[in-house]
Amino acid sequence: MLEWKGTDIPEVSFPADVVVRNMQPDDLPEVAELDAAAFKPLWQNTLDALERALSQATSAIVAEDAQGLVGYQLSTANPFGAHLARLAVRPDVQRRGVGS
């Protein structure tokens, strides 16, 4: 479990060619493809599961470059805090700071 004790959040720098924006329902087919690429079959989310997750998310963000989506995150919240429900980065762009 991670706990934030009110300290400053460190600055994050994304790769210059990556844009971060709110996820839209139209993104979900591409998000499902990204999820399938990032995880082994046992851990992959179906399009239906991602649709349900988006409807319950407090925060849903995608990262994209000129070729399309390279990452996404879904988070939920409750009275006690937030939960990072899913974070995925396309394998060919991992270790470039997209997940940060």
Protein backbone atom coordinates (compact mmCIF):
# COMPACT_ATOMS: atom_id res chain seq x y z
CA MET A 1 0.00 0.00 0.00
CA LEU A 2 1.25 3.48 -0.85
CA GLU A 3 0.44 6.41 1.38
CA TRP A 4 0.84 10.07 0.53
CA LYS A 5 1.70 12.22 3.52
CA GLY A 6 1.15 15.60 1.90
CA THR A 7 4.66 16.10 0.56
CA ASP A 8 5.19 17.70 -2.82
CA ILE A 9 4.50 15.43 -5.76
CA PRO A 10 7.63 15.14 -7.92
CA GLU A 11 7.60 16.66 -11.38
CA VAL A 12 7.05 14.18 -14.19
CA SER A 13 8.36 14.66 -17.69
CA PHE A 14 6.83 12.61 -20.45
CA PRO A 15 8.56 11.90 -23.74
CA ALA A 16 8.25 14.97 -25.97
CA ASP A 17 6.23 13.08 -28.59
CA VAL A 18 3.62 11.79 -26.09
CA VAL A 19 0.39 13.63 -25.31
CA VAL A 20 -1.68 12.79 -22.23
CA ARG A 21 -5.45 13.34 -22.25
CA ASN A 22 -8.68 12.09 -20.70
CA MET A 23 -9.86 8.74 -22.01
CA GLN A 24 -13.02 8.82 -24.14
CA PRO A 25 -15.42 5.91 -24.77
CA ASP A 26 -14.30 5.90 -28.43
CA ASP A 27 -10.76 5.05 -27.22
CA LEU A 28 -11.81 1.74 -25.69
CA PRO A 29 -11.24 -0.57 -28.70
CA GLU A 30 -7.65 0.72 -28.98
CA VAL A 31 -7.26 0.54 -25.18
CA ALA A 32 -8.32 -3.14 -25.34
CA GLU A 33 -5.68 -3.79 -28.03
CA LEU A 34 -3.03 -2.05 -25.92
CA ASP A 35 -4.08 -4.05 -22.85
CA ALA A 36 -3.79 -7.31 -24.82
CA ALA A 37 -0.28 -6.34 -25.95
CA ALA A 38 0.85 -5.36 -22.45
CA PHE A 39 -0.43 -8.37 -20.48
CA LYS A 40 -0.46 -12.15 -20.77
CA PRO A 41 -3.91 -13.61 -21.59
CA LEU A 42 -4.78 -14.41 -17.96
CA TRP A 43 -4.45 -10.71 -17.03
CA GLN A 44 -5.97 -9.08 -20.13
CA ASN A 45 -9.12 -6.98 -19.88
CA THR A 46 -11.85 -7.50 -22.46
CA LEU A 47 -13.53 -4.58 -24.19
CA ASP A 48 -16.62 -5.23 -22.07
CA ALA A 49 -14.58 -5.16 -18.84
CA LEU A 50 -12.89 -1.92 -19.92
CA GLU A 51 -16.28 -0.33 -20.67
CA ARG A 52 -17.44 -1.19 -17.14
CA ALA A 53 -14.15 0.03 -15.66
CA LEU A 54 -14.39 3.37 -17.48
CA SER A 55 -17.93 3.88 -16.17
CA GLN A 56 -16.65 3.41 -12.59
CA ALA A 57 -13.38 5.33 -12.93
CA THR A 58 -12.68 8.58 -11.15
CA SER A 59 -9.71 9.16 -13.45
CA ALA A 60 -9.13 7.61 -16.87
CA ILE A 61 -6.16 8.85 -18.89
CA VAL A 62 -4.57 7.79 -22.17
CA ALA A 63 -1.13 8.60 -23.50
CA GLU A 64 -0.66 8.77 -27.25
CA ASP A 65 1.97 9.51 -29.84
CA ALA A 66 1.73 9.91 -33.61
CA GLN A 67 1.13 6.15 -34.04
CA GLY A 68 -1.73 5.93 -31.51
CA LEU A 69 -2.21 5.00 -27.88
CA VAL A 70 0.92 4.02 -25.99
CA GLY A 71 -0.47 3.80 -22.46
CA TYR A 72 -3.46 4.24 -20.19
CA GLN A 73 -4.50 4.31 -16.57
CA LEU A 74 -7.80 3.84 -14.76
CA SER A 75 -8.24 4.90 -11.13
CA THR A 76 -11.14 4.76 -8.71
CA ALA A 77 -11.78 6.66 -5.50
CA ASN A 78 -13.59 6.14 -2.22
CA PRO A 79 -13.86 8.13 1.02
CA PHE A 80 -10.51 6.70 2.18
CA GLY A 81 -8.44 7.52 -0.92
CA ALA A 82 -7.79 6.44 -4.46
CA HIS A 83 -6.87 3.17 -6.15
CA LEU A 84 -4.83 2.80 -9.33
CA ALA A 85 -6.93 0.06 -10.87
CA ARG A 86 -4.92 -0.41 -14.08
CA LEU A 87 -1.76 0.96 -15.66
CA ALA A 88 -0.57 -0.35 -19.01
CA VAL A 89 2.11 0.75 -21.46
CA ARG A 90 2.57 -0.72 -24.91
CA PRO A 91 5.61 -3.04 -24.75
CA ASP A 92 7.58 -1.32 -27.51
CA VAL A 93 7.54 2.02 -25.64
CA GLN A 94 8.08 0.77 -22.10
CA ARG A 95 10.92 2.31 -20.09
CA ARG A 96 10.48 5.72 -21.75
CA GLY A 97 8.59 7.37 -18.86
CA VAL A 98 5.08 6.93 -20.26
CA GLY A 99 3.86 5.08 -17.14
CA SER A 100 5.17 7.75 -14.81
